[in-house]
mmCIF file of all heavy atoms, coordinates in Angstrom:
data_MODEL
# 
_entry.id   MODEL 
# 
loop_
_atom_site.group_PDB 
_atom_site.id 
_atom_site.type_symbol 
_atom_site.label_atom_id 
_atom_site.label_alt_id 
_atom_site.label_comp_id 
_atom_site.label_asym_id 
_atom_site.label_entity_id 
_atom_site.label_seq_id 
_atom_site.pdbx_PDB_ins_code 
_atom_site.Cartn_x 
_atom_site.Cartn_y 
_atom_site.Cartn_z 
_atom_site.occupancy 
_atom_site.B_iso_or_equiv 
_atom_site.pdbx_formal_charge 
_atom_site.auth_seq_id 
_atom_site.auth_comp_id 
_atom_site.auth_asym_id 
_atom_site.auth_atom_id 
_atom_site.pdbx_PDB_model_num 
ATOM 1   N N   . TYR A 1 1  ? 14.624 -39.342 37.518 1.00 0.00 ? 1  TYR A N   1 
ATOM 2   C CA  . TYR A 1 1  ? 15.605 -40.124 36.765 1.00 0.00 ? 1  TYR A CA  1 
ATOM 3   C C   . TYR A 1 1  ? 16.955 -39.414 36.800 1.00 0.00 ? 1  TYR A C   1 
ATOM 4   O O   . TYR A 1 1  ? 18.006 -40.054 37.014 1.00 0.00 ? 1  TYR A O   1 
ATOM 5   C CB  . TYR A 1 1  ? 15.120 -40.313 35.333 1.00 0.00 ? 1  TYR A CB  1 
ATOM 6   C CG  . TYR A 1 1  ? 15.936 -41.254 34.503 1.00 0.00 ? 1  TYR A CG  1 
ATOM 7   C CD1 . TYR A 1 1  ? 16.003 -42.606 34.825 1.00 0.00 ? 1  TYR A CD1 1 
ATOM 8   C CD2 . TYR A 1 1  ? 16.662 -40.821 33.366 1.00 0.00 ? 1  TYR A CD2 1 
ATOM 9   C CE1 . TYR A 1 1  ? 16.736 -43.505 34.048 1.00 0.00 ? 1  TYR A CE1 1 
ATOM 10  C CE2 . TYR A 1 1  ? 17.366 -41.712 32.601 1.00 0.00 ? 1  TYR A CE2 1 
ATOM 11  C CZ  . TYR A 1 1  ? 17.414 -43.047 32.950 1.00 0.00 ? 1  TYR A CZ  1 
ATOM 12  O OH  . TYR A 1 1  ? 18.143 -43.920 32.195 1.00 0.00 ? 1  TYR A OH  1 
ATOM 13  N N   . ARG A 1 2  ? 16.933 -38.087 36.616 1.00 0.00 ? 2  ARG A N   1 
ATOM 14  C CA  . ARG A 1 2  ? 18.171 -37.325 36.724 1.00 0.00 ? 2  ARG A CA  1 
ATOM 15  C C   . ARG A 1 2  ? 18.866 -37.551 38.060 1.00 0.00 ? 2  ARG A C   1 
ATOM 16  O O   . ARG A 1 2  ? 20.060 -37.787 38.148 1.00 0.00 ? 2  ARG A O   1 
ATOM 17  C CB  . ARG A 1 2  ? 17.850 -35.828 36.539 1.00 0.00 ? 2  ARG A CB  1 
ATOM 18  C CG  . ARG A 1 2  ? 19.045 -34.908 36.787 1.00 0.00 ? 2  ARG A CG  1 
ATOM 19  C CD  . ARG A 1 2  ? 18.585 -33.541 37.243 1.00 0.00 ? 2  ARG A CD  1 
ATOM 20  N NE  . ARG A 1 2  ? 17.790 -33.623 38.444 1.00 0.00 ? 2  ARG A NE  1 
ATOM 21  C CZ  . ARG A 1 2  ? 17.014 -32.652 38.882 1.00 0.00 ? 2  ARG A CZ  1 
ATOM 22  N NH1 . ARG A 1 2  ? 16.898 -31.539 38.208 1.00 0.00 ? 2  ARG A NH1 1 
ATOM 23  N NH2 . ARG A 1 2  ? 16.296 -32.806 40.010 1.00 0.00 ? 2  ARG A NH2 1 
ATOM 24  N N   . ASP A 1 3  ? 18.072 -37.526 39.136 1.00 0.00 ? 3  ASP A N   1 
ATOM 25  C CA  . ASP A 1 3  ? 18.623 -37.705 40.483 1.00 0.00 ? 3  ASP A CA  1 
ATOM 26  C C   . ASP A 1 3  ? 19.162 -39.129 40.665 1.00 0.00 ? 3  ASP A C   1 
ATOM 27  O O   . ASP A 1 3  ? 20.230 -39.320 41.248 1.00 0.00 ? 3  ASP A O   1 
ATOM 28  C CB  . ASP A 1 3  ? 17.581 -37.408 41.526 1.00 0.00 ? 3  ASP A CB  1 
ATOM 29  C CG  . ASP A 1 3  ? 17.133 -35.939 41.523 1.00 0.00 ? 3  ASP A CG  1 
ATOM 30  O OD1 . ASP A 1 3  ? 17.862 -35.106 40.959 1.00 0.00 ? 3  ASP A OD1 1 
ATOM 31  O OD2 . ASP A 1 3  ? 16.075 -35.643 42.094 1.00 0.00 ? 3  ASP A OD2 1 
ATOM 32  N N   . PHE A 1 4  ? 18.422 -40.116 40.178 1.00 0.00 ? 4  PHE A N   1 
ATOM 33  C CA  . PHE A 1 4  ? 18.884 -41.514 40.263 1.00 0.00 ? 4  PHE A CA  1 
ATOM 34  C C   . PHE A 1 4  ? 20.213 -41.701 39.520 1.00 0.00 ? 4  PHE A C   1 
ATOM 35  O O   . PHE A 1 4  ? 21.145 -42.352 40.004 1.00 0.00 ? 4  PHE A O   1 
ATOM 36  C CB  . PHE A 1 4  ? 17.828 -42.405 39.660 1.00 0.00 ? 4  PHE A CB  1 
ATOM 37  C CG  . PHE A 1 4  ? 18.277 -43.782 39.251 1.00 0.00 ? 4  PHE A CG  1 
ATOM 38  C CD1 . PHE A 1 4  ? 18.871 -44.645 40.185 1.00 0.00 ? 4  PHE A CD1 1 
ATOM 39  C CD2 . PHE A 1 4  ? 18.150 -44.230 37.932 1.00 0.00 ? 4  PHE A CD2 1 
ATOM 40  C CE1 . PHE A 1 4  ? 19.311 -45.915 39.809 1.00 0.00 ? 4  PHE A CE1 1 
ATOM 41  C CE2 . PHE A 1 4  ? 18.601 -45.463 37.563 1.00 0.00 ? 4  PHE A CE2 1 
ATOM 42  C CZ  . PHE A 1 4  ? 19.153 -46.337 38.501 1.00 0.00 ? 4  PHE A CZ  1 
ATOM 43  N N   . MET A 1 5  ? 20.339 -41.057 38.361 1.00 0.00 ? 5  MET A N   1 
ATOM 44  C CA  . MET A 1 5  ? 21.554 -41.196 37.589 1.00 0.00 ? 5  MET A CA  1 
ATOM 45  C C   . MET A 1 5  ? 22.711 -40.351 38.151 1.00 0.00 ? 5  MET A C   1 
ATOM 46  O O   . MET A 1 5  ? 23.849 -40.500 37.742 1.00 0.00 ? 5  MET A O   1 
ATOM 47  C CB  . MET A 1 5  ? 21.302 -40.784 36.121 1.00 0.00 ? 5  MET A CB  1 
ATOM 48  C CG  . MET A 1 5  ? 20.347 -41.718 35.372 1.00 0.00 ? 5  MET A CG  1 
ATOM 49  S SD  . MET A 1 5  ? 20.927 -43.432 35.313 1.00 0.00 ? 5  MET A SD  1 
ATOM 50  C CE  . MET A 1 5  ? 22.510 -43.238 34.493 1.00 0.00 ? 5  MET A CE  1 
ATOM 51  N N   . GLY A 1 6  ? 22.422 -39.425 39.077 1.00 0.00 ? 6  GLY A N   1 
ATOM 52  C CA  . GLY A 1 6  ? 23.478 -38.607 39.654 1.00 0.00 ? 6  GLY A CA  1 
ATOM 53  C C   . GLY A 1 6  ? 23.935 -37.499 38.754 1.00 0.00 ? 6  GLY A C   1 
ATOM 54  O O   . GLY A 1 6  ? 25.013 -36.950 38.934 1.00 0.00 ? 6  GLY A O   1 
ATOM 55  N N   . TRP A 1 7  ? 23.089 -37.100 37.789 1.00 0.00 ? 7  TRP A N   1 
ATOM 56  C CA  . TRP A 1 7  ? 23.436 -36.032 36.891 1.00 0.00 ? 7  TRP A CA  1 
ATOM 57  C C   . TRP A 1 7  ? 23.248 -34.684 37.543 1.00 0.00 ? 7  TRP A C   1 
ATOM 58  O O   . TRP A 1 7  ? 22.288 -34.469 38.307 1.00 0.00 ? 7  TRP A O   1 
ATOM 59  C CB  . TRP A 1 7  ? 22.566 -36.076 35.616 1.00 0.00 ? 7  TRP A CB  1 
ATOM 60  C CG  . TRP A 1 7  ? 22.760 -37.332 34.799 1.00 0.00 ? 7  TRP A CG  1 
ATOM 61  C CD1 . TRP A 1 7  ? 23.883 -38.097 34.730 1.00 0.00 ? 7  TRP A CD1 1 
ATOM 62  C CD2 . TRP A 1 7  ? 21.796 -37.957 33.942 1.00 0.00 ? 7  TRP A CD2 1 
ATOM 63  N NE1 . TRP A 1 7  ? 23.686 -39.134 33.877 1.00 0.00 ? 7  TRP A NE1 1 
ATOM 64  C CE2 . TRP A 1 7  ? 22.429 -39.085 33.362 1.00 0.00 ? 7  TRP A CE2 1 
ATOM 65  C CE3 . TRP A 1 7  ? 20.496 -37.667 33.611 1.00 0.00 ? 7  TRP A CE3 1 
ATOM 66  C CZ2 . TRP A 1 7  ? 21.766 -39.922 32.476 1.00 0.00 ? 7  TRP A CZ2 1 
ATOM 67  C CZ3 . TRP A 1 7  ? 19.845 -38.483 32.707 1.00 0.00 ? 7  TRP A CZ3 1 
ATOM 68  C CH2 . TRP A 1 7  ? 20.479 -39.632 32.161 1.00 0.00 ? 7  TRP A CH2 1 
ATOM 69  N N   . THR A 1 8  ? 24.154 -33.745 37.320 1.00 0.00 ? 8  THR A N   1 
ATOM 70  C CA  . THR A 1 8  ? 24.139 -32.434 37.948 1.00 0.00 ? 8  THR A CA  1 
ATOM 71  C C   . THR A 1 8  ? 23.873 -31.301 36.971 1.00 0.00 ? 8  THR A C   1 
ATOM 72  O O   . THR A 1 8  ? 23.847 -30.143 37.352 1.00 0.00 ? 8  THR A O   1 
ATOM 73  C CB  . THR A 1 8  ? 25.434 -32.174 38.703 1.00 0.00 ? 8  THR A CB  1 
ATOM 74  O OG1 . THR A 1 8  ? 26.532 -32.240 37.756 1.00 0.00 ? 8  THR A OG1 1 
ATOM 75  C CG2 . THR A 1 8  ? 25.649 -33.222 39.811 1.00 0.00 ? 8  THR A CG2 1 
ATOM 76  N N   . ILE A 1 9  ? 23.694 -31.619 35.710 1.00 0.00 ? 9  ILE A N   1 
ATOM 77  C CA  . ILE A 1 9  ? 23.482 -30.597 34.684 1.00 0.00 ? 9  ILE A CA  1 
ATOM 78  C C   . ILE A 1 9  ? 22.120 -29.964 34.852 1.00 0.00 ? 9  ILE A C   1 
ATOM 79  O O   . ILE A 1 9  ? 21.157 -30.592 35.338 1.00 0.00 ? 9  ILE A O   1 
ATOM 80  C CB  . ILE A 1 9  ? 23.604 -31.186 33.271 1.00 0.00 ? 9  ILE A CB  1 
ATOM 81  C CG1 . ILE A 1 9  ? 22.786 -32.465 33.145 1.00 0.00 ? 9  ILE A CG1 1 
ATOM 82  C CG2 . ILE A 1 9  ? 25.079 -31.472 32.934 1.00 0.00 ? 9  ILE A CG2 1 
ATOM 83  C CD1 . ILE A 1 9  ? 22.803 -33.101 31.812 1.00 0.00 ? 9  ILE A CD1 1 
ATOM 84  N N   . PRO A 1 10 ? 21.926 -28.702 34.462 1.00 0.00 ? 10 PRO A N   1 
ATOM 85  C CA  . PRO A 1 10 ? 20.623 -28.078 34.515 1.00 0.00 ? 10 PRO A CA  1 
ATOM 86  C C   . PRO A 1 10 ? 19.575 -28.911 33.728 1.00 0.00 ? 10 PRO A C   1 
ATOM 87  O O   . PRO A 1 10 ? 19.858 -29.365 32.606 1.00 0.00 ? 10 PRO A O   1 
ATOM 88  C CB  . PRO A 1 10 ? 20.844 -26.727 33.828 1.00 0.00 ? 10 PRO A CB  1 
ATOM 89  C CG  . PRO A 1 10 ? 22.275 -26.411 34.088 1.00 0.00 ? 10 PRO A CG  1 
ATOM 90  C CD  . PRO A 1 10 ? 22.987 -27.753 33.998 1.00 0.00 ? 10 PRO A CD  1 
ATOM 91  N N   . TRP A 1 11 ? 18.420 -29.099 34.306 1.00 0.00 ? 11 TRP A N   1 
ATOM 92  C CA  . TRP A 1 11 ? 17.405 -30.016 33.806 1.00 0.00 ? 11 TRP A CA  1 
ATOM 93  C C   . TRP A 1 11 ? 16.049 -29.365 33.698 1.00 0.00 ? 11 TRP A C   1 
ATOM 94  O O   . TRP A 1 11 ? 15.582 -28.776 34.657 1.00 0.00 ? 11 TRP A O   1 
ATOM 95  C CB  . TRP A 1 11 ? 17.341 -31.230 34.707 1.00 0.00 ? 11 TRP A CB  1 
ATOM 96  C CG  . TRP A 1 11 ? 16.530 -32.372 34.188 1.00 0.00 ? 11 TRP A CG  1 
ATOM 97  C CD1 . TRP A 1 11 ? 15.181 -32.556 34.301 1.00 0.00 ? 11 TRP A CD1 1 
ATOM 98  C CD2 . TRP A 1 11 ? 17.016 -33.513 33.469 1.00 0.00 ? 11 TRP A CD2 1 
ATOM 99  N NE1 . TRP A 1 11 ? 14.806 -33.738 33.680 1.00 0.00 ? 11 TRP A NE1 1 
ATOM 100 C CE2 . TRP A 1 11 ? 15.938 -34.352 33.170 1.00 0.00 ? 11 TRP A CE2 1 
ATOM 101 C CE3 . TRP A 1 11 ? 18.317 -33.918 33.062 1.00 0.00 ? 11 TRP A CE3 1 
ATOM 102 C CZ2 . TRP A 1 11 ? 16.060 -35.561 32.493 1.00 0.00 ? 11 TRP A CZ2 1 
ATOM 103 C CZ3 . TRP A 1 11 ? 18.462 -35.096 32.384 1.00 0.00 ? 11 TRP A CZ3 1 
ATOM 104 C CH2 . TRP A 1 11 ? 17.344 -35.912 32.089 1.00 0.00 ? 11 TRP A CH2 1 
ATOM 105 N N   . TYR A 1 12 ? 15.441 -29.459 32.555 1.00 0.00 ? 12 TYR A N   1 
ATOM 106 C CA  . TYR A 1 12 ? 14.104 -28.871 32.324 1.00 0.00 ? 12 TYR A CA  1 
ATOM 107 C C   . TYR A 1 12 ? 13.275 -29.854 31.482 1.00 0.00 ? 12 TYR A C   1 
ATOM 108 O O   . TYR A 1 12 ? 13.795 -30.603 30.682 1.00 0.00 ? 12 TYR A O   1 
ATOM 109 C CB  . TYR A 1 12 ? 14.196 -27.543 31.564 1.00 0.00 ? 12 TYR A CB  1 
ATOM 110 C CG  . TYR A 1 12 ? 15.044 -26.526 32.306 1.00 0.00 ? 12 TYR A CG  1 
ATOM 111 C CD1 . TYR A 1 12 ? 16.421 -26.449 32.056 1.00 0.00 ? 12 TYR A CD1 1 
ATOM 112 C CD2 . TYR A 1 12 ? 14.503 -25.657 33.215 1.00 0.00 ? 12 TYR A CD2 1 
ATOM 113 C CE1 . TYR A 1 12 ? 17.180 -25.512 32.740 1.00 0.00 ? 12 TYR A CE1 1 
ATOM 114 C CE2 . TYR A 1 12 ? 15.269 -24.730 33.881 1.00 0.00 ? 12 TYR A CE2 1 
ATOM 115 C CZ  . TYR A 1 12 ? 16.620 -24.671 33.665 1.00 0.00 ? 12 TYR A CZ  1 
ATOM 116 O OH  . TYR A 1 12 ? 17.414 -23.781 34.329 1.00 0.00 ? 12 TYR A OH  1 
ATOM 117 N N   . SER A 1 13 ? 11.955 -29.810 31.694 1.00 0.00 ? 13 SER A N   1 
ATOM 118 C CA  . SER A 1 13 ? 11.097 -30.568 30.783 1.00 0.00 ? 13 SER A CA  1 
ATOM 119 C C   . SER A 1 13 ? 10.422 -29.588 29.807 1.00 0.00 ? 13 SER A C   1 
ATOM 120 O O   . SER A 1 13 ? 10.290 -28.395 30.072 1.00 0.00 ? 13 SER A O   1 
ATOM 121 C CB  . SER A 1 13 ? 10.025 -31.307 31.611 1.00 0.00 ? 13 SER A CB  1 
ATOM 122 O OG  . SER A 1 13 ? 9.089  -30.414 32.189 1.00 0.00 ? 13 SER A OG  1 
ATOM 123 N N   . VAL A 1 14 ? 10.032 -30.151 28.686 1.00 0.00 ? 14 VAL A N   1 
ATOM 124 C CA  . VAL A 1 14 ? 9.395  -29.348 27.629 1.00 0.00 ? 14 VAL A CA  1 
ATOM 125 C C   . VAL A 1 14 ? 7.909  -29.606 27.671 1.00 0.00 ? 14 VAL A C   1 
ATOM 126 O O   . VAL A 1 14 ? 7.456  -30.708 27.296 1.00 0.00 ? 14 VAL A O   1 
ATOM 127 C CB  . VAL A 1 14 ? 9.978  -29.698 26.247 1.00 0.00 ? 14 VAL A CB  1 
ATOM 128 C CG1 . VAL A 1 14 ? 9.359  -28.803 25.168 1.00 0.00 ? 14 VAL A CG1 1 
ATOM 129 C CG2 . VAL A 1 14 ? 11.492 -29.600 26.252 1.00 0.00 ? 14 VAL A CG2 1 
ATOM 130 N N   . PRO A 1 15 ? 7.118  -28.624 28.127 1.00 0.00 ? 15 PRO A N   1 
ATOM 131 C CA  . PRO A 1 15 ? 5.648  -28.847 28.129 1.00 0.00 ? 15 PRO A CA  1 
ATOM 132 C C   . PRO A 1 15 ? 5.118  -28.947 26.704 1.00 0.00 ? 15 PRO A C   1 
ATOM 133 O O   . PRO A 1 15 ? 5.736  -28.487 25.739 1.00 0.00 ? 15 PRO A O   1 
ATOM 134 C CB  . PRO A 1 15 ? 5.109  -27.621 28.847 1.00 0.00 ? 15 PRO A CB  1 
ATOM 135 C CG  . PRO A 1 15 ? 6.160  -26.574 28.625 1.00 0.00 ? 15 PRO A CG  1 
ATOM 136 C CD  . PRO A 1 15 ? 7.470  -27.317 28.591 1.00 0.00 ? 15 PRO A CD  1 
ATOM 137 N N   . GLN A 1 16 ? 3.956  -29.559 26.594 1.00 0.00 ? 16 GLN A N   1 
ATOM 138 C CA  . GLN A 1 16 ? 3.395  -29.795 25.243 1.00 0.00 ? 16 GLN A CA  1 
ATOM 139 C C   . GLN A 1 16 ? 3.234  -28.530 24.462 1.00 0.00 ? 16 GLN A C   1 
ATOM 140 O O   . GLN A 1 16 ? 3.457  -28.502 23.248 1.00 0.00 ? 16 GLN A O   1 
ATOM 141 C CB  . GLN A 1 16 ? 2.026  -30.513 25.392 1.00 0.00 ? 16 GLN A CB  1 
ATOM 142 C CG  . GLN A 1 16 ? 1.515  -31.091 24.079 1.00 0.00 ? 16 GLN A CG  1 
ATOM 143 C CD  . GLN A 1 16 ? 2.494  -32.080 23.461 1.00 0.00 ? 16 GLN A CD  1 
ATOM 144 O OE1 . GLN A 1 16 ? 2.993  -32.964 24.150 1.00 0.00 ? 16 GLN A OE1 1 
ATOM 145 N NE2 . GLN A 1 16 ? 2.732  -31.967 22.158 1.00 0.00 ? 16 GLN A NE2 1 
ATOM 146 N N   . GLU A 1 17 ? 2.890  -27.424 25.144 1.00 0.00 ? 17 GLU A N   1 
ATOM 147 C CA  . GLU A 1 17 ? 2.706  -26.180 24.415 1.00 0.00 ? 17 GLU A CA  1 
ATOM 148 C C   . GLU A 1 17 ? 3.978  -25.631 23.796 1.00 0.00 ? 17 GLU A C   1 
ATOM 149 O O   . GLU A 1 17 ? 3.926  -24.767 22.894 1.00 0.00 ? 17 GLU A O   1 
ATOM 150 C CB  . GLU A 1 17 ? 2.149  -25.097 25.393 1.00 0.00 ? 17 GLU A CB  1 
ATOM 151 C CG  . GLU A 1 17 ? 3.121  -24.760 26.496 1.00 0.00 ? 17 GLU A CG  1 
ATOM 152 C CD  . GLU A 1 17 ? 2.579  -23.797 27.509 1.00 0.00 ? 17 GLU A CD  1 
ATOM 153 O OE1 . GLU A 1 17 ? 2.451  -22.594 27.200 1.00 0.00 ? 17 GLU A OE1 1 
ATOM 154 O OE2 . GLU A 1 17 ? 2.277  -24.260 28.619 1.00 0.00 ? 17 GLU A OE2 1 
ATOM 155 N N   . SER A 1 18 ? 5.147  -26.144 24.233 1.00 0.00 ? 18 SER A N   1 
ATOM 156 C CA  . SER A 1 18 ? 6.433  -25.657 23.737 1.00 0.00 ? 18 SER A CA  1 
ATOM 157 C C   . SER A 1 18 ? 7.096  -26.577 22.727 1.00 0.00 ? 18 SER A C   1 
ATOM 158 O O   . SER A 1 18 ? 8.079  -26.187 22.116 1.00 0.00 ? 18 SER A O   1 
ATOM 159 C CB  . SER A 1 18 ? 7.386  -25.396 24.914 1.00 0.00 ? 18 SER A CB  1 
ATOM 160 O OG  . SER A 1 18 ? 6.844  -24.461 25.816 1.00 0.00 ? 18 SER A OG  1 
ATOM 161 N N   . VAL A 1 19 ? 6.554  -27.780 22.585 1.00 0.00 ? 19 VAL A N   1 
ATOM 162 C CA  . VAL A 1 19 ? 7.210  -28.758 21.700 1.00 0.00 ? 19 VAL A CA  1 
ATOM 163 C C   . VAL A 1 19 ? 7.300  -28.263 20.277 1.00 0.00 ? 19 VAL A C   1 
ATOM 164 O O   . VAL A 1 19 ? 8.405  -28.288 19.662 1.00 0.00 ? 19 VAL A O   1 
ATOM 165 C CB  . VAL A 1 19 ? 6.451  -30.105 21.751 1.00 0.00 ? 19 VAL A CB  1 
ATOM 166 C CG1 . VAL A 1 19 ? 6.973  -31.071 20.686 1.00 0.00 ? 19 VAL A CG1 1 
ATOM 167 C CG2 . VAL A 1 19 ? 6.560  -30.745 23.125 1.00 0.00 ? 19 VAL A CG2 1 
ATOM 168 N N   . ASP A 1 20 ? 6.218  -27.752 19.733 1.00 0.00 ? 20 ASP A N   1 
ATOM 169 C CA  . ASP A 1 20 ? 6.259  -27.296 18.314 1.00 0.00 ? 20 ASP A CA  1 
ATOM 170 C C   . ASP A 1 20 ? 7.224  -26.129 18.156 1.00 0.00 ? 20 ASP A C   1 
ATOM 171 O O   . ASP A 1 20 ? 7.894  -26.016 17.110 1.00 0.00 ? 20 ASP A O   1 
ATOM 172 C CB  . ASP A 1 20 ? 4.876  -26.870 17.859 1.00 0.00 ? 20 ASP A CB  1 
ATOM 173 C CG  . ASP A 1 20 ? 3.954  -28.047 17.634 1.00 0.00 ? 20 ASP A CG  1 
ATOM 174 O OD1 . ASP A 1 20 ? 4.468  -29.185 17.553 1.00 0.00 ? 20 ASP A OD1 1 
ATOM 175 O OD2 . ASP A 1 20 ? 2.710  -27.857 17.544 1.00 0.00 ? 20 ASP A OD2 1 
ATOM 176 N N   . ARG A 1 21 ? 7.323  -25.230 19.114 1.00 0.00 ? 21 ARG A N   1 
ATOM 177 C CA  . ARG A 1 21 ? 8.195  -24.076 18.991 1.00 0.00 ? 21 ARG A CA  1 
ATOM 178 C C   . ARG A 1 21 ? 9.673  -24.448 19.049 1.00 0.00 ? 21 ARG A C   1 
ATOM 179 O O   . ARG A 1 21 ? 10.496 -23.831 18.377 1.00 0.00 ? 21 ARG A O   1 
ATOM 180 C CB  . ARG A 1 21 ? 7.859  -23.078 20.137 1.00 0.00 ? 21 ARG A CB  1 
ATOM 181 C CG  . ARG A 1 21 ? 6.575  -22.351 19.966 1.00 0.00 ? 21 ARG A CG  1 
ATOM 182 C CD  . ARG A 1 21 ? 6.460  -21.232 20.984 1.00 0.00 ? 21 ARG A CD  1 
ATOM 183 N NE  . ARG A 1 21 ? 5.439  -21.522 21.950 1.00 0.00 ? 21 ARG A NE  1 
ATOM 184 C CZ  . ARG A 1 21 ? 5.129  -20.749 23.006 1.00 0.00 ? 21 ARG A CZ  1 
ATOM 185 N NH1 . ARG A 1 21 ? 5.863  -19.657 23.222 1.00 0.00 ? 21 ARG A NH1 1 
ATOM 186 N NH2 . ARG A 1 21 ? 4.158  -21.073 23.801 1.00 0.00 ? 21 ARG A NH2 1 
ATOM 187 N N   . LEU A 1 22 ? 10.000 -25.495 19.807 1.00 0.00 ? 22 LEU A N   1 
ATOM 188 C CA  . LEU A 1 22 ? 11.420 -25.837 19.996 1.00 0.00 ? 22 LEU A CA  1 
ATOM 189 C C   . LEU A 1 22 ? 11.826 -27.008 19.116 1.00 0.00 ? 22 LEU A C   1 
ATOM 190 O O   . LEU A 1 22 ? 12.927 -27.003 18.540 1.00 0.00 ? 22 LEU A O   1 
ATOM 191 C CB  . LEU A 1 22 ? 11.673 -26.165 21.465 1.00 0.00 ? 22 LEU A CB  1 
ATOM 192 C CG  . LEU A 1 22 ? 11.524 -24.990 22.447 1.00 0.00 ? 22 LEU A CG  1 
ATOM 193 C CD1 . LEU A 1 22 ? 11.722 -25.471 23.892 1.00 0.00 ? 22 LEU A CD1 1 
ATOM 194 C CD2 . LEU A 1 22 ? 12.447 -23.846 22.126 1.00 0.00 ? 22 LEU A CD2 1 
ATOM 195 N N   . VAL A 1 23 ? 11.024 -28.032 19.066 1.00 0.00 ? 23 VAL A N   1 
ATOM 196 C CA  . VAL A 1 23 ? 11.352 -29.243 18.321 1.00 0.00 ? 23 VAL A CA  1 
ATOM 197 C C   . VAL A 1 23 ? 11.098 -29.044 16.822 1.00 0.00 ? 23 VAL A C   1 
ATOM 198 O O   . VAL A 1 23 ? 11.852 -29.540 15.973 1.00 0.00 ? 23 VAL A O   1 
ATOM 199 C CB  . VAL A 1 23 ? 10.635 -30.466 18.871 1.00 0.00 ? 23 VAL A CB  1 
ATOM 200 C CG1 . VAL A 1 23 ? 10.964 -31.718 18.070 1.00 0.00 ? 23 VAL A CG1 1 
ATOM 201 C CG2 . VAL A 1 23 ? 10.959 -30.694 20.337 1.00 0.00 ? 23 VAL A CG2 1 
ATOM 202 N N   . ALA A 1 24 ? 10.048 -28.298 16.502 1.00 0.00 ? 24 ALA A N   1 
ATOM 203 C CA  . ALA A 1 24 ? 9.794  -27.835 15.139 1.00 0.00 ? 24 ALA A CA  1 
ATOM 204 C C   . ALA A 1 24 ? 9.848  -28.919 14.085 1.00 0.00 ? 24 ALA A C   1 
ATOM 205 O O   . ALA A 1 24 ? 10.686 -28.915 13.216 1.00 0.00 ? 24 ALA A O   1 
ATOM 206 C CB  . ALA A 1 24 ? 10.776 -26.705 14.807 1.00 0.00 ? 24 ALA A CB  1 
ATOM 207 N N   . ASN A 1 25 ? 8.918  -29.886 14.189 1.00 0.00 ? 25 ASN A N   1 
ATOM 208 C CA  . ASN A 1 25 ? 8.804  -30.975 13.209 1.00 0.00 ? 25 ASN A CA  1 
ATOM 209 C C   . ASN A 1 25 ? 10.010 -31.906 13.185 1.00 0.00 ? 25 ASN A C   1 
ATOM 210 O O   . ASN A 1 25 ? 10.208 -32.595 12.172 1.00 0.00 ? 25 ASN A O   1 
ATOM 211 C CB  . ASN A 1 25 ? 8.530  -30.416 11.819 1.00 0.00 ? 25 ASN A CB  1 
ATOM 212 C CG  . ASN A 1 25 ? 7.181  -29.687 11.720 1.00 0.00 ? 25 ASN A CG  1 
ATOM 213 O OD1 . ASN A 1 25 ? 6.199  -30.147 12.246 1.00 0.00 ? 25 ASN A OD1 1 
ATOM 214 N ND2 . ASN A 1 25 ? 7.198  -28.512 11.123 1.00 0.00 ? 25 ASN A ND2 1 
ATOM 215 N N   . ARG A 1 26 ? 10.808 -31.897 14.251 1.00 0.00 ? 26 ARG A N   1 
ATOM 216 C CA  . ARG A 1 26 ? 11.890 -32.861 14.351 1.00 0.00 ? 26 ARG A CA  1 
ATOM 217 C C   . ARG A 1 26 ? 11.498 -33.891 15.412 1.00 0.00 ? 26 ARG A C   1 
ATOM 218 O O   . ARG A 1 26 ? 10.367 -34.397 15.366 1.00 0.00 ? 26 ARG A O   1 
ATOM 219 C CB  . ARG A 1 26 ? 13.193 -32.122 14.695 1.00 0.00 ? 26 ARG A CB  1 
ATOM 220 C CG  . ARG A 1 26 ? 13.671 -31.221 13.523 1.00 0.00 ? 26 ARG A CG  1 
ATOM 221 C CD  . ARG A 1 26 ? 14.781 -30.286 13.923 1.00 0.00 ? 26 ARG A CD  1 
ATOM 222 N NE  . ARG A 1 26 ? 14.340 -29.270 14.895 1.00 0.00 ? 26 ARG A NE  1 
ATOM 223 C CZ  . ARG A 1 26 ? 15.067 -28.253 15.296 1.00 0.00 ? 26 ARG A CZ  1 
ATOM 224 N NH1 . ARG A 1 26 ? 16.318 -28.087 14.839 1.00 0.00 ? 26 ARG A NH1 1 
ATOM 225 N NH2 . ARG A 1 26 ? 14.596 -27.368 16.179 1.00 0.00 ? 26 ARG A NH2 1 
# 
């Protein structure tokens, strides 16, 4: 999707094991 949109910003996905640590009930 990033490539289709032509976005050049650094792009990462958040694996399930990291969701609680980063999103933290948000």
